[in-house]
PDB file of N, CA and C in Angstrom:
ATOM      1  N   UNK A   1     -34.170  -1.850 -62.833  1.00  0.00           N
ATOM      2  CA  UNK A   1     -34.755  -0.523 -63.109  1.00  0.00           C
ATOM      3  C   UNK A   1     -36.354  -0.812 -62.819  1.00  0.00           C
ATOM      4  N   UNK A   2     -36.973  -1.545 -63.259  1.00  0.00           N
ATOM      5  CA  UNK A   2     -38.216  -2.023 -63.170  1.00  0.00           C
ATOM      6  C   UNK A   2     -38.698  -2.319 -61.709  1.00  0.00           C
ATOM      7  N   UNK A   3     -37.832  -2.468 -60.597  1.00  0.00           N
ATOM      8  CA  UNK A   3     -38.168  -2.537 -59.415  1.00  0.00           C
ATOM      9  C   UNK A   3     -38.676  -1.158 -58.645  1.00  0.00           C
ATOM     10  N   UNK A   4     -38.335  -0.211 -59.428  1.00  0.00           N
ATOM     11  CA  UNK A   4     -38.395   1.227 -58.742  1.00  0.00           C
ATOM     12  C   UNK A   4     -39.436   1.706 -59.230  1.00  0.00           C
ATOM     13  N   UNK A   5     -40.077   1.714 -59.947  1.00  0.00           N
ATOM     14  CA  UNK A   5     -41.408   1.688 -60.575  1.00  0.00           C
ATOM     15  C   UNK A   5     -41.377   2.699 -61.466  1.00  0.00           C
ATOM     16  N   UNK A   6     -40.306   3.105 -61.966  1.00  0.00           N
ATOM     17  CA  UNK A   6     -39.938   4.135 -63.063  1.00  0.00           C
ATOM     18  C   UNK A   6     -39.324   3.341 -64.681  1.00  0.00           C
ATOM     19  N   UNK A   7     -39.719   4.132 -65.914  1.00  0.00           N
ATOM     20  CA  UNK A   7     -39.431   3.387 -66.920  1.00  0.00           C
ATOM     21  C   UNK A   7     -37.884   3.863 -67.437  1.00  0.00           C
ATOM     22  N   UNK A   8     -37.382   3.304 -68.408  1.00  0.00           N
ATOM     23  CA  UNK A   8     -36.077   3.457 -68.515  1.00  0.00           C
ATOM     24  C   UNK A   8     -35.724   4.940 -69.038  1.00  0.00           C
ATOM     25  N   UNK A   9     -36.989   5.465 -69.832  1.00  0.00           N
ATOM     26  CA  UNK A   9     -36.737   7.019 -70.172  1.00  0.00           C
ATOM     27  C   UNK A   9     -36.365   7.942 -68.758  1.00  0.00           C
ATOM     28  N   UNK A  10     -37.461   7.731 -67.927  1.00  0.00           N
ATOM     29  CA  UNK A  10     -37.662   8.499 -66.756  1.00  0.00           C
ATOM     30  C   UNK A  10     -36.270   8.213 -65.871  1.00  0.00           C
ATOM     31  N   UNK A  11     -35.469   7.004 -65.980  1.00  0.00           N
ATOM     32  CA  UNK A  11     -34.411   6.780 -65.471  1.00  0.00           C
ATOM     33  C   UNK A  11     -33.442   7.553 -66.121  1.00  0.00           C
ATOM     34  N   UNK A  12     -33.603   7.620 -67.260  1.00  0.00           N
ATOM     35  CA  UNK A  12     -32.143   8.428 -68.221  1.00  0.00           C
ATOM     36  C   UNK A  12     -32.217   9.772 -67.574  1.00  0.00           C
ATOM     37  N   UNK A  13     -33.777  10.516 -67.550  1.00  0.00           N
ATOM     38  CA  UNK A  13     -33.671  11.887 -67.439  1.00  0.00           C
ATOM     39  C   UNK A  13     -33.670  12.250 -65.971  1.00  0.00           C
ATOM     40  N   UNK A  14     -34.058  11.361 -64.883  1.00  0.00           N
ATOM     41  CA  UNK A  14     -33.993  11.069 -63.455  1.00  0.00           C
ATOM     42  C   UNK A  14     -32.644  11.436 -63.526  1.00  0.00           C
ATOM     43  N   UNK A  15     -31.890  10.123 -63.545  1.00  0.00           N
ATOM     44  CA  UNK A  15     -30.337  10.065 -63.706  1.00  0.00           C
ATOM     45  C   UNK A  15     -29.493  10.983 -63.741  1.00  0.00           C
ATOM     46  N   UNK A  16     -29.946  11.630 -65.034  1.00  0.00           N
ATOM     47  CA  UNK A  16     -29.281  12.924 -65.399  1.00  0.00           C
ATOM     48  C   UNK A  16     -29.327  13.948 -64.686  1.00  0.00           C
ATOM     49  N   UNK A  17     -30.266  14.473 -64.466  1.00  0.00           N
ATOM     50  CA  UNK A  17     -30.687  15.537 -62.911  1.00  0.00           C
ATOM     51  C   UNK A  17     -29.939  15.063 -61.777  1.00  0.00           C
ATOM     52  N   UNK A  18     -30.380  13.676 -61.664  1.00  0.00           N
ATOM     53  CA  UNK A  18     -29.698  13.421 -59.829  1.00  0.00           C
ATOM     54  C   UNK A  18     -27.963  13.579 -60.221  1.00  0.00           C
ATOM     55  N   UNK A  19     -27.497  13.539 -61.661  1.00  0.00           N
ATOM     56  CA  UNK A  19     -25.863  13.549 -61.884  1.00  0.00           C
ATOM     57  C   UNK A  19     -25.771  14.349 -61.666  1.00  0.00           C
ATOM     58  N   UNK A  20     -26.409  15.633 -62.195  1.00  0.00           N
ATOM     59  CA  UNK A  20     -26.170  16.935 -62.692  1.00  0.00           C
ATOM     60  C   UNK A  20     -26.257  17.692 -60.990  1.00  0.00           C
ATOM     61  N   UNK A  21     -27.121  17.387 -60.196  1.00  0.00           N
ATOM     62  CA  UNK A  21     -26.948  18.083 -58.795  1.00  0.00           C
ATOM     63  C   UNK A  21     -25.967  17.740 -58.083  1.00  0.00           C
ATOM     64  N   UNK A  22     -25.776  16.221 -58.154  1.00  0.00           N
ATOM     65  CA  UNK A  22     -24.309  15.450 -57.206  1.00  0.00           C
ATOM     66  C   UNK A  22     -23.028  16.464 -58.071  1.00  0.00           C
ATOM     67  N   UNK A  23     -22.697  16.732 -59.197  1.00  0.00           N
ATOM     68  CA  UNK A  23     -21.508  17.135 -59.886  1.00  0.00           C
ATOM     69  C   UNK A  23     -21.849  18.732 -59.179  1.00  0.00           C
ATOM     70  N   UNK A  24     -22.467  19.418 -59.142  1.00  0.00           N
ATOM     71  CA  UNK A  24     -22.634  20.812 -58.643  1.00  0.00           C
ATOM     72  C   UNK A  24     -22.277  20.898 -57.297  1.00  0.00           C
ATOM     73  N   UNK A  25     -22.811  19.894 -56.302  1.00  0.00           N
ATOM     74  CA  UNK A  25     -22.870  19.591 -54.921  1.00  0.00           C
ATOM     75  C   UNK A  25     -21.031  19.148 -54.497  1.00  0.00           C
ATOM     76  N   UNK A  26     -20.566  18.271 -55.473  1.00  0.00           N
ATOM     77  CA  UNK A  26     -19.262  17.962 -55.155  1.00  0.00           C
ATOM     78  C   UNK A  26     -18.329  18.805 -56.003  1.00  0.00           C
ATOM     79  N   UNK A  27     -18.892  20.062 -56.811  1.00  0.00           N
ATOM     80  CA  UNK A  27     -17.963  20.791 -57.514  1.00  0.00           C
ATOM     81  C   UNK A  27     -16.893  19.874 -58.334  1.00  0.00           C
ATOM     82  N   UNK A  28     -17.808  19.286 -59.471  1.00  0.00           N
ATOM     83  CA  UNK A  28     -16.926  18.446 -60.079  1.00  0.00           C
ATOM     84  C   UNK A  28     -17.327  18.992 -61.603  1.00  0.00           C
ATOM     85  N   UNK A  29     -16.792  18.708 -62.995  1.00  0.00           N
ATOM     86  CA  UNK A  29     -17.105  18.986 -64.104  1.00  0.00           C
ATOM     87  C   UNK A  29     -16.954  17.359 -64.864  1.00  0.00           C
ATOM     88  N   UNK A  30     -18.112  17.253 -65.109  1.00  0.00           N
ATOM     89  CA  UNK A  30     -18.224  15.806 -65.984  1.00  0.00           C
ATOM     90  C   UNK A  30     -18.893  15.328 -66.910  1.00  0.00           C
ATOM     91  N   UNK A  31     -19.903  16.506 -67.145  1.00  0.00           N
ATOM     92  CA  UNK A  31     -20.479  16.601 -68.814  1.00  0.00           C
ATOM     93  C   UNK A  31     -21.809  15.617 -68.449  1.00  0.00           C
ATOM     94  N   UNK A  32     -22.417  15.992 -69.461  1.00  0.00           N
ATOM     95  CA  UNK A  32     -23.937  15.455 -69.648  1.00  0.00           C
ATOM     96  C   UNK A  32     -24.265  14.116 -69.722  1.00  0.00           C
ATOM     97  N   UNK A  33     -23.503  12.927 -70.245  1.00  0.00           N
ATOM     98  CA  UNK A  33     -23.209  11.899 -70.380  1.00  0.00           C
ATOM     99  C   UNK A  33     -22.994  11.484 -69.230  1.00  0.00           C
ATOM    100  N   UNK A  34     -21.782  11.592 -68.573  1.00  0.00           N
ATOM    101  CA  UNK A  34     -21.243  11.261 -67.416  1.00  0.00           C
ATOM    102  C   UNK A  34     -22.302  11.456 -65.977  1.00  0.00           C
ATOM    103  N   UNK A  35     -22.986  12.578 -66.106  1.00  0.00           N
ATOM    104  CA  UNK A  35     -23.932  13.011 -65.537  1.00  0.00           C
ATOM    105  C   UNK A  35     -24.991  11.890 -65.329  1.00  0.00           C
ATOM    106  N   UNK A  36     -25.494  11.419 -66.835  1.00  0.00           N
ATOM    107  CA  UNK A  36     -26.721  10.371 -66.694  1.00  0.00           C
ATOM    108  C   UNK A  36     -25.962   9.207 -65.900  1.00  0.00           C
ATOM    109  N   UNK A  37     -24.738   8.672 -66.124  1.00  0.00           N
ATOM    110  CA  UNK A  37     -24.106   7.316 -65.532  1.00  0.00           C
ATOM    111  C   UNK A  37     -24.039   7.486 -64.443  1.00  0.00           C
ATOM    112  N   UNK A  38     -23.673   8.733 -63.937  1.00  0.00           N
ATOM    113  CA  UNK A  38     -23.442   8.846 -62.623  1.00  0.00           C
ATOM    114  C   UNK A  38     -24.595   8.521 -62.101  1.00  0.00           C
ATOM    115  N   UNK A  39     -25.613   8.951 -62.282  1.00  0.00           N
ATOM    116  CA  UNK A  39     -26.757   9.312 -61.396  1.00  0.00           C
ATOM    117  C   UNK A  39     -27.654   7.810 -61.393  1.00  0.00           C
ATOM    118  N   UNK A  40     -27.472   7.177 -62.785  1.00  0.00           N
ATOM    119  CA  UNK A  40     -28.419   5.589 -63.001  1.00  0.00           C
ATOM    120  C   UNK A  40     -27.200   4.910 -62.039  1.00  0.00           C
ATOM    121  N   UNK A  41     -26.496   4.629 -62.242  1.00  0.00           N
ATOM    122  CA  UNK A  41     -25.127   3.606 -61.665  1.00  0.00           C
ATOM    123  C   UNK A  41     -25.015   4.146 -59.941  1.00  0.00           C
ATOM    124  N   UNK A  42     -25.154   5.584 -59.471  1.00  0.00           N
ATOM    125  CA  UNK A  42     -25.553   5.955 -58.130  1.00  0.00           C
ATOM    126  C   UNK A  42     -26.868   5.573 -57.700  1.00  0.00           C
ATOM    127  N   UNK A  43     -27.913   5.694 -58.254  1.00  0.00           N
ATOM    128  CA  UNK A  43     -29.122   5.164 -57.732  1.00  0.00           C
ATOM    129  C   UNK A  43     -29.245   3.897 -57.196  1.00  0.00           C
ATOM    130  N   UNK A  44     -28.697   3.220 -58.337  1.00  0.00           N
ATOM    131  CA  UNK A  44     -28.309   1.421 -58.025  1.00  0.00           C
ATOM    132  C   UNK A  44     -27.753   1.203 -56.675  1.00  0.00           C
ATOM    133  N   UNK A  45     -26.456   1.811 -56.540  1.00  0.00           N
ATOM    134  CA  UNK A  45     -25.261   1.751 -55.467  1.00  0.00           C
ATOM    135  C   UNK A  45     -25.893   2.435 -54.306  1.00  0.00           C
ATOM    136  N   UNK A  46     -26.740   3.270 -54.364  1.00  0.00           N
ATOM    137  CA  UNK A  46     -27.301   4.070 -53.000  1.00  0.00           C
ATOM    138  C   UNK A  46     -28.696   2.833 -52.477  1.00  0.00           C
ATOM    139  N   UNK A  47     -29.599   2.481 -53.762  1.00  0.00           N
ATOM    140  CA  UNK A  47     -30.385   1.458 -53.037  1.00  0.00           C
ATOM    141  C   UNK A  47     -29.733   0.506 -52.506  1.00  0.00           C
ATOM    142  N   UNK A  48     -28.755  -0.291 -53.265  1.00  0.00           N
ATOM    143  CA  UNK A  48     -28.443  -1.317 -52.769  1.00  0.00           C
ATOM    144  C   UNK A  48     -28.043  -1.431 -50.916  1.00  0.00           C
ATOM    145  N   UNK A  49     -26.993  -0.218 -51.114  1.00  0.00           N
ATOM    146  CA  UNK A  49     -26.970   0.445 -49.506  1.00  0.00           C
ATOM    147  C   UNK A  49     -27.630   0.359 -48.760  1.00  0.00           C
ATOM    148  N   UNK A  50     -28.637   1.110 -49.145  1.00  0.00           N
ATOM    149  CA  UNK A  50     -30.177   1.534 -48.392  1.00  0.00           C
ATOM    150  C   UNK A  50     -30.613   0.347 -47.835  1.00  0.00           C
ATOM    151  N   UNK A  51     -30.670  -0.712 -49.008  1.00  0.00           N
ATOM    152  CA  UNK A  51     -31.714  -1.968 -48.534  1.00  0.00           C
ATOM    153  C   UNK A  51     -30.705  -2.698 -47.781  1.00  0.00           C
ATOM    154  N   UNK A  52     -29.487  -2.873 -47.816  1.00  0.00           N
ATOM    155  CA  UNK A  52     -28.792  -3.671 -46.541  1.00  0.00           C
ATOM    156  C   UNK A  52     -29.233  -2.640 -45.358  1.00  0.00           C
ATOM    157  N   UNK A  53     -29.536  -1.425 -44.961  1.00  0.00           N
ATOM    158  CA  UNK A  53     -29.900  -0.757 -43.942  1.00  0.00           C
ATOM    159  C   UNK A  53     -31.637  -0.898 -43.592  1.00  0.00           C
ATOM    160  N   UNK A  54     -32.134  -1.592 -44.768  1.00  0.00           N
ATOM    161  CA  UNK A  54     -33.822  -1.630 -44.416  1.00  0.00           C
ATOM    162  C   UNK A  54     -34.578  -0.415 -44.902  1.00  0.00           C
ATOM    163  N   UNK A  55     -34.038   0.362 -45.637  1.00  0.00           N
ATOM    164  CA  UNK A  55     -34.532   1.689 -45.803  1.00  0.00           C
ATOM    165  C   UNK A  55     -34.711   1.613 -47.661  1.00  0.00           C
ATOM    166  N   UNK A  56     -35.951   1.549 -47.920  1.00  0.00           N
ATOM    167  CA  UNK A  56     -36.301   1.575 -49.163  1.00  0.00           C
ATOM    168  C   UNK A  56     -36.970   2.446 -50.092  1.00  0.00           C
ATOM    169  N   UNK A  57     -36.332   3.284 -51.149  1.00  0.00           N
ATOM    170  CA  UNK A  57     -37.350   4.352 -51.242  1.00  0.00           C
ATOM    171  C   UNK A  57     -37.607   3.934 -52.412  1.00  0.00           C
ATOM    172  N   UNK A  58     -38.814   4.483 -53.011  1.00  0.00           N
ATOM    173  CA  UNK A  58     -39.373   4.480 -54.321  1.00  0.00           C
ATOM    174  C   UNK A  58     -40.117   5.174 -55.534  1.00  0.00           C
ATOM    175  N   UNK A  59     -40.568   5.058 -56.368  1.00  0.00           N
ATOM    176  CA  UNK A  59     -40.796   6.031 -57.281  1.00  0.00           C
ATOM    177  C   UNK A  59     -39.775   7.186 -57.513  1.00  0.00           C
ATOM    178  N   UNK A  60     -40.195   8.146 -58.529  1.00  0.00           N
ATOM    179  CA  UNK A  60     -39.042   9.072 -59.052  1.00  0.00           C
ATOM    180  C   UNK A  60     -38.518  10.078 -57.849  1.00  0.00           C
ATOM    181  N   UNK A  61     -38.883  10.261 -56.918  1.00  0.00           N
ATOM    182  CA  UNK A  61     -38.382  11.103 -56.469  1.00  0.00           C
ATOM    183  C   UNK A  61     -37.413  10.390 -55.004  1.00  0.00           C
ATOM    184  N   UNK A  62     -37.518   9.175 -55.221  1.00  0.00           N
ATOM    185  CA  UNK A  62     -36.822   8.378 -54.334  1.00  0.00           C
ATOM    186  C   UNK A  62     -35.741   7.912 -55.136  1.00  0.00           C
ATOM    187  N   UNK A  63     -36.309   7.563 -56.353  1.00  0.00           N
ATOM    188  CA  UNK A  63     -35.026   7.318 -57.617  1.00  0.00           C
ATOM    189  C   UNK A  63     -33.902   8.471 -57.539  1.00  0.00           C
ATOM    190  N   UNK A  64     -34.773   9.494 -57.514  1.00  0.00           N
ATOM    191  CA  UNK A  64     -33.837  11.203 -57.677  1.00  0.00           C
ATOM    192  C   UNK A  64     -32.921  11.405 -56.437  1.00  0.00           C
ATOM    193  N   UNK A  65     -33.513  11.083 -55.070  1.00  0.00           N
ATOM    194  CA  UNK A  65     -32.384  11.002 -54.106  1.00  0.00           C
ATOM    195  C   UNK A  65     -31.332  10.022 -53.959  1.00  0.00           C
ATOM    196  N   UNK A  66     -32.036   8.609 -54.214  1.00  0.00           N
ATOM    197  CA  UNK A  66     -31.026   7.860 -54.291  1.00  0.00           C
ATOM    198  C   UNK A  66     -30.023   7.824 -55.111  1.00  0.00           C
ATOM    199  N   UNK A  67     -30.247   8.489 -56.416  1.00  0.00           N
ATOM    200  CA  UNK A  67     -29.184   8.770 -57.545  1.00  0.00           C
ATOM    201  C   UNK A  67     -28.352   9.668 -57.424  1.00  0.00           C
ATOM    202  N   UNK A  68     -28.784  10.880 -56.254  1.00  0.00           N
ATOM    203  CA  UNK A  68     -27.857  12.113 -55.947  1.00  0.00           C
ATOM    204  C   UNK A  68     -26.906  11.559 -54.897  1.00  0.00           C
ATOM    205  N   UNK A  69     -27.350  10.621 -54.121  1.00  0.00           N
ATOM    206  CA  UNK A  69     -26.598  10.344 -53.205  1.00  0.00           C
ATOM    207  C   UNK A  69     -25.789   9.456 -53.534  1.00  0.00           C
ATOM    208  N   UNK A  70     -25.958   8.240 -54.113  1.00  0.00           N
ATOM    209  CA  UNK A  70     -24.735   7.276 -55.464  1.00  0.00           C
ATOM    210  C   UNK A  70     -24.130   8.101 -55.743  1.00  0.00           C
ATOM    211  N   UNK A  71     -24.361   9.292 -56.700  1.00  0.00           N
ATOM    212  CA  UNK A  71     -23.558   9.736 -57.349  1.00  0.00           C
ATOM    213  C   UNK A  71     -22.493  10.690 -56.826  1.00  0.00           C
ATOM    214  N   UNK A  72     -22.669  11.118 -55.601  1.00  0.00           N
ATOM    215  CA  UNK A  72     -21.631  11.801 -54.577  1.00  0.00           C
ATOM    216  C   UNK A  72     -20.697  10.525 -54.247  1.00  0.00           C
ATOM    217  N   UNK A  73     -21.397   9.618 -53.713  1.00  0.00           N
ATOM    218  CA  UNK A  73     -20.485   8.695 -53.313  1.00  0.00           C
ATOM    219  C   UNK A  73     -19.382   8.224 -54.465  1.00  0.00           C
ATOM    220  N   UNK A  74     -20.008   8.136 -55.846  1.00  0.00           N
ATOM    221  CA  UNK A  74     -18.886   7.472 -56.733  1.00  0.00           C
ATOM    222  C   UNK A  74     -18.122   8.553 -57.580  1.00  0.00           C
ATOM    223  N   UNK A  75     -18.389  10.138 -56.949  1.00  0.00           N
ATOM    224  CA  UNK A  75     -17.563  10.968 -57.485  1.00  0.00           C
ATOM    225  C   UNK A  75     -16.481  11.120 -56.360  1.00  0.00           C
ATOM    226  N   UNK A  76     -16.772  10.849 -55.075  1.00  0.00           N
ATOM    227  CA  UNK A  76     -15.801  10.947 -53.889  1.00  0.00           C
ATOM    228  C   UNK A  76     -14.897   9.779 -54.165  1.00  0.00           C
ATOM    229  N   UNK A  77     -15.475   8.232 -54.217  1.00  0.00           N
ATOM    230  CA  UNK A  77     -14.495   7.468 -54.480  1.00  0.00           C
ATOM    231  C   UNK A  77     -13.407   7.512 -55.606  1.00  0.00           C
ATOM    232  N   UNK A  78     -14.405   8.214 -56.898  1.00  0.00           N
ATOM    233  CA  UNK A  78     -13.156   8.460 -58.080  1.00  0.00           C
ATOM    234  C   UNK A  78     -12.167   9.746 -57.307  1.00  0.00           C
ATOM    235  N   UNK A  79     -12.307  10.097 -57.028  1.00  0.00           N
ATOM    236  CA  UNK A  79     -11.387  11.226 -56.399  1.00  0.00           C
ATOM    237  C   UNK A  79     -10.471  10.485 -55.430  1.00  0.00           C
ATOM    238  N   UNK A  80     -10.971   9.863 -54.445  1.00  0.00           N
ATOM    239  CA  UNK A  80      -9.925   8.981 -53.504  1.00  0.00           C
ATOM    240  C   UNK A  80      -9.200   7.915 -54.366  1.00  0.00           C
ATOM    241  N   UNK A  81      -9.462   7.755 -55.332  1.00  0.00           N
ATOM    242  CA  UNK A  81      -8.708   6.721 -56.206  1.00  0.00           C
ATOM    243  C   UNK A  81      -7.662   7.125 -57.024  1.00  0.00           C
ATOM    244  N   UNK A  82      -8.216   8.382 -57.643  1.00  0.00           N
ATOM    245  CA  UNK A  82      -6.959   9.480 -58.433  1.00  0.00           C
ATOM    246  C   UNK A  82      -6.067   9.835 -57.760  1.00  0.00           C
ATOM    247  N   UNK A  83      -6.207  10.205 -56.346  1.00  0.00           N
ATOM    248  CA  UNK A  83      -5.050  10.562 -55.426  1.00  0.00           C
ATOM    249  C   UNK A  83      -3.965   9.757 -55.181  1.00  0.00           C
TER     250      UNK A  83
END
Protein backbone atom coordinates (compact mmCIF):
# COMPACT_ATOMS: atom_id res chain seq x y z
CA UNK A 1 0.00 0.00 0.00
CA UNK A 2 2.98 2.25 0.25
CA UNK A 3 3.00 2.80 -3.51
CA UNK A 4 -0.42 4.51 -3.35
CA UNK A 5 1.00 7.32 -1.25
CA UNK A 6 -1.28 6.76 1.76
CA UNK A 7 -0.58 5.17 5.12
CA UNK A 8 -2.17 2.16 6.78
CA UNK A 9 -4.61 4.18 8.91
CA UNK A 10 -5.75 6.15 5.88
CA UNK A 11 -6.05 2.89 3.90
CA UNK A 12 -8.37 1.47 6.57
CA UNK A 13 -10.52 4.61 6.69
CA UNK A 14 -10.67 5.07 2.91
CA UNK A 15 -11.16 1.33 2.40
CA UNK A 16 -14.08 1.41 4.83
CA UNK A 17 -15.66 4.33 2.98
CA UNK A 18 -15.12 2.67 -0.41
CA UNK A 19 -16.56 -0.62 0.89
CA UNK A 20 -19.55 1.17 2.39
CA UNK A 21 -20.22 3.04 -0.87
CA UNK A 22 -19.97 -0.23 -2.82
CA UNK A 23 -22.28 -1.92 -0.31
CA UNK A 24 -24.90 0.79 -0.85
CA UNK A 25 -24.44 0.82 -4.63
CA UNK A 26 -24.69 -2.97 -4.93
CA UNK A 27 -27.54 -3.15 -2.37
CA UNK A 28 -25.64 -5.57 -0.18
CA UNK A 29 -25.49 -5.94 3.61
CA UNK A 30 -21.93 -6.80 4.62
CA UNK A 31 -21.12 -5.03 7.89
CA UNK A 32 -18.39 -2.57 8.87
CA UNK A 33 -15.45 -4.99 9.02
CA UNK A 34 -16.34 -6.56 5.70
CA UNK A 35 -16.70 -3.08 4.15
CA UNK A 36 -13.15 -2.25 5.22
CA UNK A 37 -11.81 -5.54 3.86
CA UNK A 38 -13.74 -5.16 0.59
CA UNK A 39 -12.52 -1.59 0.17
CA UNK A 40 -8.85 -2.43 0.78
CA UNK A 41 -8.81 -5.68 -1.22
CA UNK A 42 -10.98 -4.04 -3.87
CA UNK A 43 -8.50 -1.18 -4.24
CA UNK A 44 -5.70 -3.70 -4.72
CA UNK A 45 -7.70 -5.66 -7.33
CA UNK A 46 -8.84 -2.55 -9.20
CA UNK A 47 -5.33 -1.04 -9.18
CA UNK A 48 -3.97 -4.31 -10.57
CA UNK A 49 -6.57 -4.39 -13.35
CA UNK A 50 -6.15 -0.69 -14.12
CA UNK A 51 -2.35 -0.98 -14.22
CA UNK A 52 -2.70 -3.75 -16.84
CA UNK A 53 -4.73 -1.25 -18.87
CA UNK A 54 -2.09 1.45 -18.37
CA UNK A 55 -4.20 3.57 -15.98
CA UNK A 56 -2.73 4.78 -12.70
CA UNK A 57 -4.75 6.27 -9.84
CA UNK A 58 -2.80 7.94 -7.05
CA UNK A 59 -3.50 9.56 -3.71
CA UNK A 60 -6.45 9.14 -1.44
CA UNK A 61 -9.06 9.99 -4.10
CA UNK A 62 -7.60 7.45 -6.52
CA UNK A 63 -7.52 4.86 -3.72
CA UNK A 64 -11.18 5.61 -2.93
CA UNK A 65 -12.23 5.26 -6.58
CA UNK A 66 -10.21 2.07 -7.04
CA UNK A 67 -11.56 0.68 -3.75
CA UNK A 68 -15.13 1.37 -4.81
CA UNK A 69 -14.66 -0.21 -8.25
CA UNK A 70 -12.82 -3.21 -6.83
CA UNK A 71 -15.33 -3.75 -4.01
CA UNK A 72 -18.20 -3.70 -6.52
CA UNK A 73 -16.33 -6.29 -8.60
CA UNK A 74 -15.75 -8.48 -5.53
CA UNK A 75 -19.41 -8.25 -4.46
CA UNK A 76 -20.52 -9.22 -8.00
CA UNK A 77 -18.09 -12.16 -8.08
CA UNK A 78 -19.28 -13.35 -4.64
CA UNK A 79 -22.89 -13.21 -5.81
CA UNK A 80 -22.05 -15.16 -8.97
CA UNK A 81 -20.28 -17.87 -6.96
CA UNK A 82 -23.16 -18.21 -4.49
CA UNK A 83 -25.65 -18.88 -7.30
